[in-house]
Protein backbone atom coordinates (compact mmCIF):
# COMPACT_ATOMS: atom_id res chain seq x y z
CA MET A 1 -6.22 0.15 18.29
CA ASP A 2 -4.86 3.68 18.61
CA GLU A 3 -6.54 6.78 17.19
CA THR A 4 -4.32 6.91 14.07
CA HIS A 5 -4.96 3.28 13.20
CA ALA A 6 -8.71 3.70 13.84
CA PHE A 7 -8.80 6.72 11.49
CA ALA A 8 -6.99 4.69 8.80
CA ALA A 9 -9.21 1.65 9.35
CA ASP A 10 -12.37 3.73 8.78
CA ILE A 11 -11.04 5.06 5.47
CA PHE A 12 -9.80 1.61 4.44
CA ALA A 13 -13.21 0.06 5.14
CA ALA A 14 -14.87 2.68 2.90
CA GLN A 15 -12.87 1.64 -0.21
CA PRO A 16 -15.01 -0.65 -2.41
CA PHE A 17 -12.08 -1.84 -4.57
CA THR A 18 -10.09 -2.73 -1.46
CA GLN A 19 -13.00 -4.85 -0.26
CA LEU A 20 -13.35 -6.49 -3.70
CA ILE A 21 -9.78 -7.80 -3.70
CA GLY A 22 -9.82 -8.66 0.00
CA ALA A 23 -6.95 -6.43 1.11
CA GLU A 24 -6.14 -6.02 4.80
CA LEU A 25 -4.78 -3.01 6.67
CA VAL A 26 -2.06 -4.78 8.67
CA ALA A 27 -0.54 -1.76 10.40
CA ALA A 28 -0.92 2.01 10.42
CA GLY A 29 0.80 4.75 12.38
CA LYS A 30 2.13 8.27 12.02
CA GLY A 31 3.72 8.28 8.56
CA ARG A 32 3.58 4.54 7.94
CA ALA A 33 1.22 1.85 6.66
CA GLU A 34 1.23 -1.84 5.77
CA ILE A 35 -1.37 -3.40 3.48
CA ALA A 36 -1.54 -7.09 2.56
CA VAL A 37 -3.59 -9.40 0.39
CA GLU A 38 -3.86 -13.19 0.26
CA MET A 39 -3.19 -14.46 -3.24
CA ARG A 40 -5.88 -16.31 -5.15
CA ASP A 41 -6.25 -17.27 -8.80
CA ALA A 42 -8.42 -14.24 -9.68
CA LEU A 43 -5.51 -11.93 -8.74
CA ARG A 44 -2.92 -13.67 -10.94
CA GLN A 45 -1.90 -13.01 -14.51
CA GLN A 46 -1.57 -15.67 -17.25
CA HIS A 47 1.83 -16.95 -16.02
CA GLY A 48 0.58 -17.51 -12.48
CA PHE A 49 2.31 -14.49 -10.90
CA ALA A 50 0.51 -11.77 -8.98
CA HIS A 51 -0.85 -9.28 -11.52
CA GLY A 52 1.20 -6.10 -11.79
CA ARG A 53 -1.87 -3.96 -11.18
CA LEU A 54 -2.41 -5.75 -7.86
CA ILE A 55 1.15 -4.94 -6.83
CA SER A 56 0.65 -1.37 -8.02
CA TYR A 57 -2.61 -1.07 -6.05
CA LEU A 58 -0.87 -2.22 -2.86
CA ALA A 59 1.97 0.25 -3.33
CA ASP A 60 -0.27 3.17 -4.26
CA ASN A 61 -2.69 2.62 -1.39
CA ALA A 62 0.05 2.02 1.21
CA ILE A 63 1.84 5.19 0.04
CA THR A 64 -1.36 7.22 0.26
CA PHE A 65 -2.08 5.95 3.77
CA ALA A 66 1.50 6.57 4.97
CA GLY A 67 1.46 10.08 3.50
CA GLY A 68 -2.00 10.93 4.79
CA LEU A 69 -1.16 9.67 8.27
CA GLY A 70 2.06 11.67 8.14
CA LEU A 71 0.07 14.76 7.17
CA GLY A 72 -2.61 13.94 9.75
CA THR A 73 -5.48 14.00 7.27
CA ASP A 74 -7.23 12.19 4.43
CA ALA A 75 -5.06 12.29 1.30
CA LEU A 76 -4.78 11.48 -2.40
CA THR A 77 -1.85 10.36 -4.52
CA SER A 78 -0.65 13.12 -6.85
CA GLU A 79 2.15 11.11 -8.51
CA PHE A 80 3.42 7.59 -8.32
CA LYS A 81 6.25 5.45 -9.73
CA ILE A 82 6.88 1.73 -9.39
CA ASN A 83 9.73 -0.59 -10.32
CA TYR A 84 8.96 -4.30 -10.54
CA VAL A 85 12.00 -6.17 -9.23
CA ARG A 86 10.88 -9.78 -9.74
CA PRO A 87 7.63 -11.70 -10.30
CA ALA A 88 5.52 -12.14 -7.18
CA ARG A 89 5.03 -15.87 -6.70
CA GLY A 90 3.97 -16.03 -3.06
CA THR A 91 0.76 -16.87 -1.28
CA ARG A 92 0.54 -13.39 0.25
CA LEU A 93 1.71 -9.91 -0.73
CA ILE A 94 2.50 -7.10 1.67
CA ALA A 95 3.30 -3.44 0.99
CA ARG A 96 5.17 -1.42 3.61
CA ALA A 97 5.18 2.34 3.08
CA THR A 98 6.85 5.17 4.96
CA ALA A 99 6.51 8.95 4.64
CA ARG A 100 10.08 10.14 3.99
CA GLY A 101 9.36 13.86 3.80
CA VAL A 102 6.26 15.55 5.18
CA GLY A 103 5.41 19.20 4.59
CA ARG A 104 2.27 21.22 5.24
CA ARG A 105 0.37 20.03 2.18
CA GLN A 106 2.25 17.08 0.74
CA ALA A 107 4.32 14.05 1.71
CA VAL A 108 6.86 12.08 -0.31
CA CYS A 109 6.70 8.37 0.48
CA SER A 110 8.48 5.16 -0.40
CA CYS A 111 7.17 1.61 -0.39
CA GLU A 112 8.56 -1.91 -0.57
CA ILE A 113 6.30 -4.71 -1.77
CA PHE A 114 7.12 -8.29 -0.78
CA SER A 115 5.76 -11.67 -1.84
CA ILE A 116 5.57 -14.12 1.03
CA ASP A 117 5.70 -17.90 0.88
CA ASP A 118 6.97 -20.77 3.05
CA ARG A 119 10.57 -19.62 2.38
CA GLY A 120 9.94 -16.12 3.73
CA GLU A 121 9.68 -12.68 2.13
CA ARG A 122 11.09 -11.68 -1.25
CA LEU A 123 11.18 -8.12 -2.53
CA CYS A 124 9.11 -7.89 -5.71
CA ALA A 125 8.70 -4.13 -6.23
CA LEU A 126 9.79 -0.69 -5.07
CA ALA A 127 7.63 2.40 -5.36
CA GLN A 128 7.71 6.10 -4.58
CA GLY A 129 4.93 8.64 -4.60
CA THR A 130 3.79 12.08 -3.60
CA VAL A 131 0.63 12.44 -1.54
CA VAL A 132 -1.42 15.60 -1.04
CA ALA A 133 -3.90 16.49 1.68
CA VAL A 134 -7.56 16.41 0.63
CA ALA A 135 -8.94 19.95 0.69
CA GLY A 136 -12.12 20.60 2.63
């Protein structure tokens, strides 16, 4: 594990909500992050799809990690937008985020969220957000 991934893994491990839902930091590097979660009934909505807030969590957290790693520091989301493309029906979800523009204090990031099943990956949401460096 390289220094960037180790830094991200320490922050990830300190997030109680992340631990509650059982999310996994799959990959992390300069300006990029991948976060996944195995689906289970408690994370589904009434129609059996992944709950929209779960998809939103994955996008928001992956964006914040990608932006923070692009900035080289701990970070917070300052704004966030998501478009749900189709219901997530898979057994696993994965969010892949990339910092698209990194300045001194903020990074603009994009994220694709996929549902995964035995047929492969299907895009279920697209997100974009702005991340700011944590002061102090």
